[in-house]
Amino acid sequence: FFAPRAARPKPPAGAGDGITTVGVIGGGTMGNGIAFASARAGYDVVLIDIDEARAAEAAGRIGKIVERQVSRGRMSEDAGKALLSKIVTTADYDKLAAADFVIEAVFERLEVKHAVYRKAEAVLASEVTIASNTSSIPIAKLAAGLRNPSRMVGMHFFAPVETMKLLEIIVAPATSGKARGEALAIARELKKSVIVVKDGLGFYTSRMVSSLSSEAMTLLAEGVPPQVI
Protein backbone atom coordinates (compact mmCIF):
# COMPACT_ATOMS: atom_id res chain seq x y z
CA PHE A 1 0.00 0.00 0.00
CA PHE A 2 2.68 2.49 1.02
CA ALA A 3 5.51 1.44 -1.30
CA PRO A 4 3.81 2.45 -4.58
CA ARG A 5 2.91 5.83 -3.12
CA ALA A 6 6.46 6.43 -1.94
CA ALA A 7 7.87 5.47 -5.32
CA ARG A 8 5.28 7.25 -7.44
CA PRO A 9 7.03 9.71 -9.76
CA LYS A 10 5.85 13.29 -9.57
CA PRO A 11 5.69 15.75 -12.47
CA PRO A 12 7.97 18.79 -12.31
CA ALA A 13 6.41 21.97 -10.96
CA GLY A 14 4.32 23.63 -13.65
CA ALA A 15 4.32 20.66 -16.02
CA GLY A 16 1.04 20.46 -17.87
CA ASP A 17 -0.21 23.85 -16.66
CA GLY A 18 -1.05 24.98 -20.20
CA ILE A 19 -2.82 21.79 -21.24
CA THR A 20 -6.57 22.25 -21.62
CA THR A 21 -7.32 20.14 -24.72
CA VAL A 22 -6.21 16.55 -25.24
CA GLY A 23 -6.19 15.06 -28.73
CA VAL A 24 -6.82 11.32 -29.09
CA ILE A 25 -6.09 9.55 -32.37
CA GLY A 26 -7.98 6.29 -32.75
CA GLY A 27 -11.58 5.51 -31.78
CA GLY A 28 -11.14 1.88 -30.74
CA THR A 29 -11.50 0.46 -27.24
CA MET A 30 -8.37 2.16 -25.90
CA GLY A 31 -8.93 5.50 -27.63
CA ASN A 32 -12.53 5.70 -26.42
CA GLY A 33 -11.45 4.93 -22.86
CA ILE A 34 -8.67 7.51 -22.99
CA ALA A 35 -11.09 10.12 -24.35
CA PHE A 36 -13.59 9.38 -21.59
CA ALA A 37 -10.94 9.47 -18.85
CA SER A 38 -9.49 12.73 -20.20
CA ALA A 39 -12.90 14.42 -20.30
CA ARG A 40 -13.68 13.13 -16.80
CA ALA A 41 -10.44 14.76 -15.64
CA GLY A 42 -11.69 18.10 -16.99
CA TYR A 43 -9.94 18.28 -20.35
CA ASP A 44 -11.63 19.15 -23.62
CA VAL A 45 -11.09 16.25 -26.01
CA VAL A 46 -10.78 15.98 -29.80
CA LEU A 47 -10.95 12.34 -30.93
CA ILE A 48 -9.83 11.55 -34.49
CA ASP A 49 -10.89 8.42 -36.39
CA ILE A 50 -10.54 7.16 -39.97
CA ASP A 51 -13.77 8.68 -41.30
CA GLU A 52 -16.86 10.46 -40.01
CA ALA A 53 -18.87 7.24 -39.75
CA ARG A 54 -16.20 5.64 -37.54
CA ALA A 55 -15.96 8.85 -35.52
CA ALA A 56 -19.71 8.76 -34.92
CA GLU A 57 -19.45 5.13 -33.82
CA ALA A 58 -16.71 6.11 -31.38
CA ALA A 59 -18.98 8.80 -29.92
CA GLY A 60 -21.67 6.17 -29.44
CA ARG A 61 -19.28 3.84 -27.64
CA ILE A 62 -18.11 6.62 -25.33
CA GLY A 63 -21.78 7.28 -24.61
CA LYS A 64 -22.12 3.62 -23.57
CA ILE A 65 -19.20 4.04 -21.14
CA VAL A 66 -21.03 7.00 -19.60
CA GLU A 67 -24.25 4.97 -19.36
CA ARG A 68 -22.42 2.21 -17.48
CA GLN A 69 -20.88 4.70 -15.09
CA VAL A 70 -24.28 6.29 -14.41
CA SER A 71 -26.02 2.92 -13.95
CA ARG A 72 -23.36 1.88 -11.41
CA GLY A 73 -23.77 5.07 -9.42
CA ARG A 74 -20.29 6.37 -10.23
CA MET A 75 -21.59 9.42 -12.07
CA SER A 76 -24.82 11.42 -12.18
CA GLU A 77 -26.76 11.82 -15.40
CA ASP A 78 -25.98 15.54 -15.46
CA ALA A 79 -22.27 14.85 -14.99
CA GLY A 80 -22.43 12.32 -17.81
CA LYS A 81 -24.03 14.83 -20.16
CA ALA A 82 -21.45 17.46 -19.20
CA LEU A 83 -18.64 14.98 -19.85
CA LEU A 84 -19.93 14.07 -23.31
CA SER A 85 -20.22 17.77 -24.20
CA LYS A 86 -16.44 18.06 -23.75
CA ILE A 87 -15.68 15.44 -26.44
CA VAL A 88 -15.63 16.11 -30.18
CA THR A 89 -15.26 13.09 -32.48
CA THR A 90 -14.23 13.73 -36.08
CA ALA A 91 -12.13 12.56 -39.02
CA ASP A 92 -10.87 16.11 -39.66
CA TYR A 93 -7.24 16.38 -38.55
CA ASP A 94 -7.46 20.19 -38.77
CA LYS A 95 -9.52 20.09 -35.56
CA LEU A 96 -6.57 18.43 -33.85
CA ALA A 97 -4.77 21.77 -34.09
CA ALA A 98 -6.54 22.84 -30.89
CA ALA A 99 -4.82 20.08 -28.88
CA ASP A 100 -2.13 20.89 -26.31
CA PHE A 101 -1.23 17.20 -25.86
CA VAL A 102 -1.94 14.21 -28.12
CA ILE A 103 -2.31 10.50 -27.34
CA GLU A 104 -2.19 8.06 -30.25
CA ALA A 105 -4.11 4.79 -29.84
CA VAL A 106 -4.29 3.26 -33.32
CA PHE A 107 -3.61 -0.27 -34.59
CA GLU A 108 -0.28 -1.81 -33.50
CA ARG A 109 1.53 -1.49 -36.82
CA LEU A 110 4.52 0.80 -37.20
CA GLU A 111 3.55 2.08 -40.66
CA VAL A 112 0.01 2.90 -39.51
CA LYS A 113 1.29 4.89 -36.55
CA HIS A 114 3.85 6.74 -38.67
CA ALA A 115 1.10 7.68 -41.13
CA VAL A 116 -1.05 9.28 -38.42
CA TYR A 117 1.98 11.06 -36.94
CA ARG A 118 2.62 12.73 -40.30
CA LYS A 119 -0.98 13.96 -40.39
CA ALA A 120 -0.81 15.14 -36.79
CA GLU A 121 2.50 16.98 -37.19
CA ALA A 122 1.07 18.86 -40.17
CA VAL A 123 -1.49 20.61 -37.94
CA LEU A 124 -0.03 20.58 -34.41
CA ALA A 125 2.10 23.33 -32.91
CA SER A 126 5.76 22.30 -32.89
CA GLU A 127 5.98 22.07 -29.09
CA VAL A 128 2.97 19.75 -28.58
CA THR A 129 3.85 16.37 -27.09
CA ILE A 130 2.70 13.22 -28.89
CA ALA A 131 2.28 10.13 -26.69
CA SER A 132 1.69 6.59 -27.94
CA ASN A 133 -0.46 4.00 -26.22
CA THR A 134 1.55 1.20 -27.85
CA SER A 135 1.94 -1.90 -25.68
CA SER A 136 5.20 -3.15 -27.17
CA ILE A 137 6.66 -1.18 -30.12
CA PRO A 138 9.80 0.65 -28.95
CA ILE A 139 9.16 4.37 -28.61
CA ALA A 140 12.41 5.17 -30.42
CA LYS A 141 11.06 3.37 -33.51
CA LEU A 142 7.83 5.34 -33.32
CA ALA A 143 9.68 8.62 -32.77
CA ALA A 144 11.70 7.99 -35.93
CA GLY A 145 8.52 8.82 -37.85
CA LEU A 146 8.46 12.36 -36.43
CA ARG A 147 10.35 15.42 -37.61
CA ASN A 148 11.10 16.10 -33.95
CA PRO A 149 11.61 12.78 -32.08
CA SER A 150 12.03 14.55 -28.74
CA ARG A 151 8.29 15.27 -28.58
CA MET A 152 7.44 11.53 -28.36
CA VAL A 153 6.76 9.62 -25.14
CA GLY A 154 5.01 6.32 -24.40
CA MET A 155 1.80 6.16 -22.34
CA HIS A 156 0.68 2.55 -22.12
CA PHE A 157 -2.84 2.43 -20.67
CA PHE A 158 -4.69 -0.75 -19.70
CA ALA A 159 -8.23 -1.75 -20.60
CA PRO A 160 -10.74 -0.70 -19.57
CA VAL A 161 -9.05 2.68 -19.24
CA GLU A 162 -11.91 4.16 -17.23
CA THR A 163 -11.32 1.69 -14.36
CA MET A 164 -7.76 0.33 -14.63
CA LYS A 165 -5.39 2.42 -12.51
CA LEU A 166 -2.02 1.41 -13.93
CA LEU A 167 -0.28 3.60 -16.52
CA GLU A 168 3.14 2.76 -17.90
CA ILE A 169 5.11 5.80 -19.09
CA ILE A 170 7.99 4.95 -21.41
CA VAL A 171 10.90 7.34 -21.89
CA ALA A 172 13.06 6.90 -25.01
CA PRO A 173 16.62 8.26 -25.25
CA ALA A 174 15.40 11.24 -27.30
CA THR A 175 12.32 11.99 -25.17
CA SER A 176 12.48 15.55 -23.84
CA GLY A 177 12.02 16.49 -20.21
CA LYS A 178 8.97 18.47 -21.29
CA ALA A 179 7.32 15.42 -22.86
CA ARG A 180 8.07 13.27 -19.81
CA GLY A 181 6.83 15.93 -17.40
CA GLU A 182 3.61 16.51 -19.31
CA ALA A 183 2.90 12.78 -19.48
CA LEU A 184 3.28 12.62 -15.70
CA ALA A 185 1.04 15.67 -15.28
CA ILE A 186 -1.69 14.13 -17.45
CA ALA A 187 -1.38 10.87 -15.48
CA ARG A 188 -1.85 12.79 -12.23
CA GLU A 189 -5.02 14.46 -13.51
CA LEU A 190 -6.33 11.08 -14.71
CA LYS A 191 -5.59 9.69 -11.22
CA LYS A 192 -3.45 6.86 -12.56
CA SER A 193 -0.84 4.83 -10.70
CA VAL A 194 2.32 5.36 -12.72
CA ILE A 195 5.51 3.47 -13.39
CA VAL A 196 8.19 5.12 -15.55
CA VAL A 197 10.39 2.76 -17.54
CA LYS A 198 13.12 2.92 -20.15
CA ASP A 199 12.39 2.16 -23.78
CA GLY A 200 12.69 -1.39 -25.09
CA LEU A 201 10.68 -4.16 -26.71
CA GLY A 202 7.69 -4.95 -24.51
CA PHE A 203 8.67 -2.31 -21.92
CA TYR A 204 8.01 -3.70 -18.41
CA THR A 205 4.44 -4.98 -18.21
CA SER A 206 4.35 -6.89 -21.53
CA ARG A 207 7.64 -8.58 -20.63
CA MET A 208 6.24 -9.60 -17.24
CA VAL A 209 3.06 -11.01 -18.78
CA SER A 210 5.08 -12.99 -21.34
CA SER A 211 7.49 -14.32 -18.71
CA LEU A 212 4.78 -15.29 -16.24
CA SER A 213 2.70 -16.97 -18.95
CA SER A 214 5.71 -18.91 -20.21
CA GLU A 215 6.60 -20.09 -16.70
CA ALA A 216 2.99 -21.13 -16.06
CA MET A 217 2.95 -23.27 -19.23
CA THR A 218 6.33 -24.81 -18.32
CA LEU A 219 5.08 -25.74 -14.84
CA LEU A 220 1.94 -27.25 -16.36
CA ALA A 221 4.01 -29.30 -18.81
CA GLU A 222 6.12 -30.56 -15.92
CA GLY A 223 3.00 -31.87 -14.17
CA VAL A 224 2.28 -29.16 -11.61
CA PRO A 225 -1.50 -29.01 -10.98
CA PRO A 226 -3.16 -25.92 -12.52
CA GLN A 227 -4.76 -25.09 -9.14
CA VAL A 228 -1.31 -24.86 -7.56
CA ILE A 229 0.03 -22.69 -10.41
C-alpha atoms as a PDB file:
ATOM      1  CA  PHE A   1       0.000   0.000   0.000  1.00  0.00           C
ATOM      2  CA  PHE A   2       2.681   2.492   1.017  1.00  0.00           C
ATOM      3  CA  ALA A   3       5.511   1.443  -1.298  1.00  0.00           C
ATOM      4  CA  PRO A   4       3.814   2.447  -4.580  1.00  0.00           C
ATOM      5  CA  ARG A   5       2.915   5.830  -3.116  1.00  0.00           C
ATOM      6  CA  ALA A   6       6.461   6.428  -1.940  1.00  0.00           C
ATOM      7  CA  ALA A   7       7.873   5.469  -5.320  1.00  0.00           C
ATOM      8  CA  ARG A   8       5.282   7.252  -7.438  1.00  0.00           C
ATOM      9  CA  PRO A   9       7.032   9.713  -9.756  1.00  0.00           C
ATOM     10  CA  LYS A  10       5.853  13.289  -9.573  1.00  0.00           C
ATOM     11  CA  PRO A  11       5.691  15.748 -12.473  1.00  0.00           C
ATOM     12  CA  PRO A  12       7.975  18.785 -12.308  1.00  0.00           C
ATOM     13  CA  ALA A  13       6.410  21.967 -10.955  1.00  0.00           C
ATOM     14  CA  GLY A  14       4.321  23.635 -13.649  1.00  0.00           C
ATOM     15  CA  ALA A  15       4.317  20.656 -16.023  1.00  0.00           C
ATOM     16  CA  GLY A  16       1.040  20.459 -17.870  1.00  0.00           C
ATOM     17  CA  ASP A  17      -0.214  23.845 -16.660  1.00  0.00           C
ATOM     18  CA  GLY A  18      -1.049  24.976 -20.196  1.00  0.00           C
ATOM     19  CA  ILE A  19      -2.818  21.795 -21.240  1.00  0.00           C
ATOM     20  CA  THR A  20      -6.571  22.251 -21.622  1.00  0.00           C
ATOM     21  CA  THR A  21      -7.319  20.144 -24.717  1.00  0.00           C
ATOM     22  CA  VAL A  22      -6.213  16.546 -25.242  1.00  0.00           C
ATOM     23  CA  GLY A  23      -6.192  15.059 -28.731  1.00  0.00           C
ATOM     24  CA  VAL A  24      -6.824  11.316 -29.088  1.00  0.00           C
ATOM     25  CA  ILE A  25      -6.087   9.547 -32.372  1.00  0.00           C
ATOM     26  CA  GLY A  26      -7.980   6.291 -32.745  1.00  0.00           C
ATOM     27  CA  GLY A  27     -11.577   5.508 -31.780  1.00  0.00           C
ATOM     28  CA  GLY A  28     -11.135   1.880 -30.737  1.00  0.00           C
ATOM     29  CA  THR A  29     -11.499   0.456 -27.239  1.00  0.00           C
ATOM     30  CA  MET A  30      -8.371   2.164 -25.903  1.00  0.00           C
ATOM     31  CA  GLY A  31      -8.928   5.501 -27.627  1.00  0.00           C
ATOM     32  CA  ASN A  32     -12.525   5.699 -26.417  1.00  0.00           C
ATOM     33  CA  GLY A  33     -11.453   4.931 -22.862  1.00  0.00           C
ATOM     34  CA  ILE A  34      -8.674   7.513 -22.986  1.00  0.00           C
ATOM     35  CA  ALA A  35     -11.085  10.123 -24.352  1.00  0.00           C
ATOM     36  CA  PHE A  36     -13.588   9.380 -21.587  1.00  0.00           C
ATOM     37  CA  ALA A  37     -10.939   9.472 -18.850  1.00  0.00           C
ATOM     38  CA  SER A  38      -9.488  12.726 -20.196  1.00  0.00           C
ATOM     39  CA  ALA A  39     -12.897  14.417 -20.299  1.00  0.00           C
ATOM     40  CA  ARG A  40     -13.680  13.128 -16.804  1.00  0.00           C
ATOM     41  CA  ALA A  41     -10.438  14.758 -15.644  1.00  0.00           C
ATOM     42  CA  GLY A  42     -11.691  18.098 -16.992  1.00  0.00           C
ATOM     43  CA  TYR A  43      -9.936  18.279 -20.353  1.00  0.00           C
ATOM     44  CA  ASP A  44     -11.631  19.146 -23.616  1.00  0.00           C
ATOM     45  CA  VAL A  45     -11.091  16.247 -26.013  1.00  0.00           C
ATOM     46  CA  VAL A  46     -10.776  15.975 -29.799  1.00  0.00           C
ATOM     47  CA  LEU A  47     -10.945  12.341 -30.928  1.00  0.00           C
ATOM     48  CA  ILE A  48      -9.834  11.546 -34.490  1.00  0.00           C
ATOM     49  CA  ASP A  49     -10.886   8.420 -36.390  1.00  0.00           C
ATOM     50  CA  ILE A  50     -10.536   7.163 -39.972  1.00  0.00           C
ATOM     51  CA  ASP A  51     -13.773   8.682 -41.304  1.00  0.00           C
ATOM     52  CA  GLU A  52     -16.856  10.458 -40.015  1.00  0.00           C
ATOM     53  CA  ALA A  53     -18.869   7.237 -39.753  1.00  0.00           C
ATOM     54  CA  ARG A  54     -16.198   5.637 -37.544  1.00  0.00           C
ATOM     55  CA  ALA A  55     -15.957   8.849 -35.523  1.00  0.00           C
ATOM     56  CA  ALA A  56     -19.710   8.762 -34.916  1.00  0.00           C
ATOM     57  CA  GLU A  57     -19.453   5.129 -33.820  1.00  0.00           C
ATOM     58  CA  ALA A  58     -16.710   6.107 -31.376  1.00  0.00           C
ATOM     59  CA  ALA A  59     -18.978   8.797 -29.922  1.00  0.00           C
ATOM     60  CA  GLY A  60     -21.669   6.170 -29.435  1.00  0.00           C
ATOM     61  CA  ARG A  61     -19.280   3.836 -27.637  1.00  0.00           C
ATOM     62  CA  ILE A  62     -18.108   6.618 -25.332  1.00  0.00           C
ATOM     63  CA  GLY A  63     -21.780   7.280 -24.609  1.00  0.00           C
ATOM     64  CA  LYS A  64     -22.121   3.624 -23.567  1.00  0.00           C
ATOM     65  CA  ILE A  65     -19.205   4.044 -21.138  1.00  0.00           C
ATOM     66  CA  VAL A  66     -21.031   7.004 -19.598  1.00  0.00           C
ATOM     67  CA  GLU A  67     -24.249   4.967 -19.364  1.00  0.00           C
ATOM     68  CA  ARG A  68     -22.423   2.211 -17.485  1.00  0.00           C
ATOM     69  CA  GLN A  69     -20.876   4.704 -15.086  1.00  0.00           C
ATOM     70  CA  VAL A  70     -24.276   6.286 -14.408  1.00  0.00           C
ATOM     71  CA  SER A  71     -26.016   2.921 -13.945  1.00  0.00           C
ATOM     72  CA  ARG A  72     -23.364   1.877 -11.407  1.00  0.00           C
ATOM     73  CA  GLY A  73     -23.767   5.073  -9.417  1.00  0.00           C
ATOM     74  CA  ARG A  74     -20.291   6.365 -10.225  1.00  0.00           C
ATOM     75  CA  MET A  75     -21.591   9.424 -12.073  1.00  0.00           C
ATOM     76  CA  SER A  76     -24.821  11.422 -12.176  1.00  0.00           C
ATOM     77  CA  GLU A  77     -26.762  11.821 -15.404  1.00  0.00           C
ATOM     78  CA  ASP A  78     -25.977  15.540 -15.464  1.00  0.00           C
ATOM     79  CA  ALA A  79     -22.269  14.854 -14.989  1.00  0.00           C
ATOM     80  CA  GLY A  80     -22.429  12.318 -17.809  1.00  0.00           C
ATOM     81  CA  LYS A  81     -24.029  14.827 -20.156  1.00  0.00           C
ATOM     82  CA  ALA A  82     -21.449  17.464 -19.201  1.00  0.00           C
ATOM     83  CA  LEU A  83     -18.636  14.980 -19.849  1.00  0.00           C
ATOM     84  CA  LEU A  84     -19.925  14.072 -23.309  1.00  0.00           C
ATOM     85  CA  SER A  85     -20.219  17.769 -24.197  1.00  0.00           C
ATOM     86  CA  LYS A  86     -16.443  18.065 -23.750  1.00  0.00           C
ATOM     87  CA  ILE A  87     -15.678  15.443 -26.440  1.00  0.00           C
ATOM     88  CA  VAL A  88     -15.627  16.112 -30.180  1.00  0.00           C
ATOM     89  CA  THR A  89     -15.265  13.089 -32.481  1.00  0.00           C
ATOM     90  CA  THR A  90     -14.229  13.725 -36.079  1.00  0.00           C
ATOM     91  CA  ALA A  91     -12.130  12.564 -39.025  1.00  0.00           C
ATOM     92  CA  ASP A  92     -10.872  16.113 -39.657  1.00  0.00           C
ATOM     93  CA  TYR A  93      -7.240  16.380 -38.554  1.00  0.00           C
ATOM     94  CA  ASP A  94      -7.463  20.195 -38.771  1.00  0.00           C
ATOM     95  CA  LYS A  95      -9.519  20.090 -35.559  1.00  0.00           C
ATOM     96  CA  LEU A  96      -6.570  18.429 -33.851  1.00  0.00           C
ATOM     97  CA  ALA A  97      -4.768  21.774 -34.095  1.00  0.00           C
ATOM     98  CA  ALA A  98      -6.545  22.835 -30.887  1.00  0.00           C
ATOM     99  CA  ALA A  99      -4.824  20.082 -28.877  1.00  0.00           C
ATOM    100  CA  ASP A 100      -2.133  20.888 -26.310  1.00  0.00           C
ATOM    101  CA  PHE A 101      -1.233  17.198 -25.859  1.00  0.00           C
ATOM    102  CA  VAL A 102      -1.941  14.213 -28.123  1.00  0.00           C
ATOM    103  CA  ILE A 103      -2.314  10.500 -27.341  1.00  0.00           C
ATOM    104  CA  GLU A 104      -2.192   8.056 -30.248  1.00  0.00           C
ATOM    105  CA  ALA A 105      -4.105   4.791 -29.835  1.00  0.00           C
ATOM    106  CA  VAL A 106      -4.290   3.259 -33.322  1.00  0.00           C
ATOM    107  CA  PHE A 107      -3.608  -0.269 -34.592  1.00  0.00           C
ATOM    108  CA  GLU A 108      -0.279  -1.815 -33.502  1.00  0.00           C
ATOM    109  CA  ARG A 109       1.534  -1.487 -36.821  1.00  0.00           C
ATOM    110  CA  LEU A 110       4.523   0.804 -37.200  1.00  0.00           C
ATOM    111  CA  GLU A 111       3.554   2.081 -40.664  1.00  0.00           C
ATOM    112  CA  VAL A 112       0.009   2.901 -39.507  1.00  0.00           C
ATOM    113  CA  LYS A 113       1.293   4.889 -36.547  1.00  0.00           C
ATOM    114  CA  HIS A 114       3.851   6.737 -38.671  1.00  0.00           C
ATOM    115  CA  ALA A 115       1.101   7.683 -41.127  1.00  0.00           C
ATOM    116  CA  VAL A 116      -1.047   9.278 -38.417  1.00  0.00           C
ATOM    117  CA  TYR A 117       1.983  11.065 -36.945  1.00  0.00           C
ATOM    118  CA  ARG A 118       2.616  12.733 -40.303  1.00  0.00           C
ATOM    119  CA  LYS A 119      -0.981  13.958 -40.385  1.00  0.00           C
ATOM    120  CA  ALA A 120      -0.810  15.135 -36.790  1.00  0.00           C
ATOM    121  CA  GLU A 121       2.496  16.980 -37.192  1.00  0.00           C
ATOM    122  CA  ALA A 122       1.069  18.857 -40.167  1.00  0.00           C
ATOM    123  CA  VAL A 123      -1.489  20.606 -37.943  1.00  0.00           C
ATOM    124  CA  LEU A 124      -0.026  20.585 -34.408  1.00  0.00           C
ATOM    125  CA  ALA A 125       2.101  23.332 -32.912  1.00  0.00           C
ATOM    126  CA  SER A 126       5.763  22.298 -32.887  1.00  0.00           C
ATOM    127  CA  GLU A 127       5.982  22.072 -29.089  1.00  0.00           C
ATOM    128  CA  VAL A 128       2.967  19.754 -28.575  1.00  0.00           C
ATOM    129  CA  THR A 129       3.851  16.367 -27.085  1.00  0.00           C
ATOM    130  CA  ILE A 130       2.704  13.217 -28.886  1.00  0.00           C
ATOM    131  CA  ALA A 131       2.280  10.129 -26.695  1.00  0.00           C
ATOM    132  CA  SER A 132       1.688   6.594 -27.940  1.00  0.00           C
ATOM    133  CA  ASN A 133      -0.463   3.997 -26.219  1.00  0.00           C
ATOM    134  CA  THR A 134       1.550   1.198 -27.846  1.00  0.00           C
ATOM    135  CA  SER A 135       1.941  -1.895 -25.685  1.00  0.00           C
ATOM    136  CA  SER A 136       5.196  -3.148 -27.172  1.00  0.00           C
ATOM    137  CA  ILE A 137       6.657  -1.183 -30.116  1.00  0.00           C
ATOM    138  CA  PRO A 138       9.805   0.649 -28.954  1.00  0.00           C
ATOM    139  CA  ILE A 139       9.157   4.375 -28.614  1.00  0.00           C
ATOM    140  CA  ALA A 140      12.413   5.174 -30.424  1.00  0.00           C
ATOM    141  CA  LYS A 141      11.059   3.374 -33.513  1.00  0.00           C
ATOM    142  CA  LEU A 142       7.827   5.341 -33.323  1.00  0.00           C
ATOM    143  CA  ALA A 143       9.679   8.620 -32.772  1.00  0.00           C
ATOM    144  CA  ALA A 144      11.701   7.993 -35.931  1.00  0.00           C
ATOM    145  CA  GLY A 145       8.521   8.821 -37.850  1.00  0.00           C
ATOM    146  CA  LEU A 146       8.461  12.361 -36.435  1.00  0.00           C
ATOM    147  CA  ARG A 147      10.349  15.423 -37.614  1.00  0.00           C
ATOM    148  CA  ASN A 148      11.099  16.099 -33.947  1.00  0.00           C
ATOM    149  CA  PRO A 149      11.613  12.781 -32.083  1.00  0.00           C
ATOM    150  CA  SER A 150      12.029  14.546 -28.736  1.00  0.00           C
ATOM    151  CA  ARG A 151       8.286  15.274 -28.581  1.00  0.00           C
ATOM    152  CA  MET A 152       7.443  11.526 -28.358  1.00  0.00           C
ATOM    153  CA  VAL A 153       6.758   9.617 -25.135  1.00  0.00           C
ATOM    154  CA  GLY A 154       5.012   6.325 -24.400  1.00  0.00           C
ATOM    155  CA  MET A 155       1.798   6.160 -22.344  1.00  0.00           C
ATOM    156  CA  HIS A 156       0.677   2.546 -22.125  1.00  0.00           C
ATOM    157  CA  PHE A 157      -2.843   2.432 -20.673  1.00  0.00           C
ATOM    158  CA  PHE A 158      -4.693  -0.750 -19.701  1.00  0.00           C
ATOM    159  CA  ALA A 159      -8.228  -1.753 -20.596  1.00  0.00           C
ATOM    160  CA  PRO A 160     -10.745  -0.702 -19.569  1.00  0.00           C
ATOM    161  CA  VAL A 161      -9.049   2.682 -19.237  1.00  0.00           C
ATOM    162  CA  GLU A 162     -11.912   4.161 -17.225  1.00  0.00           C
ATOM    163  CA  THR A 163     -11.322   1.690 -14.358  1.00  0.00           C
ATOM    164  CA  MET A 164      -7.755   0.331 -14.628  1.00  0.00           C
ATOM    165  CA  LYS A 165      -5.393   2.423 -12.513  1.00  0.00           C
ATOM    166  CA  LEU A 166      -2.023   1.413 -13.931  1.00  0.00           C
ATOM    167  CA  LEU A 167      -0.281   3.599 -16.517  1.00  0.00           C
ATOM    168  CA  GLU A 168       3.144   2.759 -17.899  1.00  0.00           C
ATOM    169  CA  ILE A 169       5.106   5.803 -19.093  1.00  0.00           C
ATOM    170  CA  ILE A 170       7.990   4.953 -21.411  1.00  0.00           C
ATOM    171  CA  VAL A 171      10.897   7.340 -21.893  1.00  0.00           C
ATOM    172  CA  ALA A 172      13.061   6.899 -25.010  1.00  0.00           C
ATOM    173  CA  PRO A 173      16.617   8.261 -25.249  1.00  0.00           C
ATOM    174  CA  ALA A 174      15.398  11.237 -27.298  1.00  0.00           C
ATOM    175  CA  THR A 175      12.316  11.989 -25.166  1.00  0.00           C
ATOM    176  CA  SER A 176      12.478  15.546 -23.841  1.00  0.00           C
ATOM    177  CA  GLY A 177      12.021  16.487 -20.210  1.00  0.00           C
ATOM    178  CA  LYS A 178       8.971  18.472 -21.286  1.00  0.00           C
ATOM    179  CA  ALA A 179       7.317  15.425 -22.857  1.00  0.00           C
ATOM    180  CA  ARG A 180       8.072  13.267 -19.815  1.00  0.00           C
ATOM    181  CA  GLY A 181       6.833  15.932 -17.404  1.00  0.00           C
ATOM    182  CA  GLU A 182       3.615  16.511 -19.307  1.00  0.00           C
ATOM    183  CA  ALA A 183       2.897  12.778 -19.478  1.00  0.00           C
ATOM    184  CA  LEU A 184       3.281  12.617 -15.696  1.00  0.00           C
ATOM    185  CA  ALA A 185       1.045  15.669 -15.278  1.00  0.00           C
ATOM    186  CA  ILE A 186      -1.686  14.126 -17.447  1.00  0.00           C
ATOM    187  CA  ALA A 187      -1.384  10.871 -15.478  1.00  0.00           C
ATOM    188  CA  ARG A 188      -1.849  12.790 -12.227  1.00  0.00           C
ATOM    189  CA  GLU A 189      -5.021  14.456 -13.511  1.00  0.00           C
ATOM    190  CA  LEU A 190      -6.332  11.079 -14.715  1.00  0.00           C
ATOM    191  CA  LYS A 191      -5.590   9.686 -11.216  1.00  0.00           C
ATOM    192  CA  LYS A 192      -3.453   6.857 -12.564  1.00  0.00           C
ATOM    193  CA  SER A 193      -0.839   4.827 -10.704  1.00  0.00           C
ATOM    194  CA  VAL A 194       2.322   5.363 -12.721  1.00  0.00           C
ATOM    195  CA  ILE A 195       5.508   3.474 -13.393  1.00  0.00           C
ATOM    196  CA  VAL A 196       8.186   5.115 -15.546  1.00  0.00           C
ATOM    197  CA  VAL A 197      10.393   2.763 -17.545  1.00  0.00           C
ATOM    198  CA  LYS A 198      13.124   2.925 -20.154  1.00  0.00           C
ATOM    199  CA  ASP A 199      12.395   2.160 -23.785  1.00  0.00           C
ATOM    200  CA  GLY A 200      12.688  -1.391 -25.089  1.00  0.00           C
ATOM    201  CA  LEU A 201      10.682  -4.159 -26.712  1.00  0.00           C
ATOM    202  CA  GLY A 202       7.690  -4.945 -24.508  1.00  0.00           C
ATOM    203  CA  PHE A 203       8.673  -2.306 -21.915  1.00  0.00           C
ATOM    204  CA  TYR A 204       8.013  -3.704 -18.414  1.00  0.00           C
ATOM    205  CA  THR A 205       4.439  -4.982 -18.215  1.00  0.00           C
ATOM    206  CA  SER A 206       4.351  -6.889 -21.527  1.00  0.00           C
ATOM    207  CA  ARG A 207       7.640  -8.584 -20.630  1.00  0.00           C
ATOM    208  CA  MET A 208       6.238  -9.595 -17.241  1.00  0.00           C
ATOM    209  CA  VAL A 209       3.061 -11.011 -18.784  1.00  0.00           C
ATOM    210  CA  SER A 210       5.078 -12.993 -21.341  1.00  0.00           C
ATOM    211  CA  SER A 211       7.490 -14.324 -18.712  1.00  0.00           C
ATOM    212  CA  LEU A 212       4.781 -15.286 -16.239  1.00  0.00           C
ATOM    213  CA  SER A 213       2.695 -16.972 -18.949  1.00  0.00           C
ATOM    214  CA  SER A 214       5.705 -18.912 -20.207  1.00  0.00           C
ATOM    215  CA  GLU A 215       6.597 -20.087 -16.703  1.00  0.00           C
ATOM    216  CA  ALA A 216       2.992 -21.128 -16.059  1.00  0.00           C
ATOM    217  CA  MET A 217       2.952 -23.271 -19.231  1.00  0.00           C
ATOM    218  CA  THR A 218       6.329 -24.810 -18.323  1.00  0.00           C
ATOM    219  CA  LEU A 219       5.085 -25.741 -14.844  1.00  0.00           C
ATOM    220  CA  LEU A 220       1.937 -27.246 -16.361  1.00  0.00           C
ATOM    221  CA  ALA A 221       4.013 -29.303 -18.812  1.00  0.00           C
ATOM    222  CA  GLU A 222       6.117 -30.564 -15.918  1.00  0.00           C
ATOM    223  CA  GLY A 223       3.001 -31.869 -14.175  1.00  0.00           C
ATOM    224  CA  VAL A 224       2.281 -29.164 -11.611  1.00  0.00           C
ATOM    225  CA  PRO A 225      -1.505 -29.014 -10.984  1.00  0.00           C
ATOM    226  CA  PRO A 226      -3.162 -25.922 -12.515  1.00  0.00           C
ATOM    227  CA  GLN A 227      -4.764 -25.090  -9.145  1.00  0.00           C
ATOM    228  CA  VAL A 228      -1.310 -24.860  -7.558  1.00  0.00           C
ATOM    229  CA  ILE A 229       0.029 -22.689 -10.409  1.00  0.00           C
END
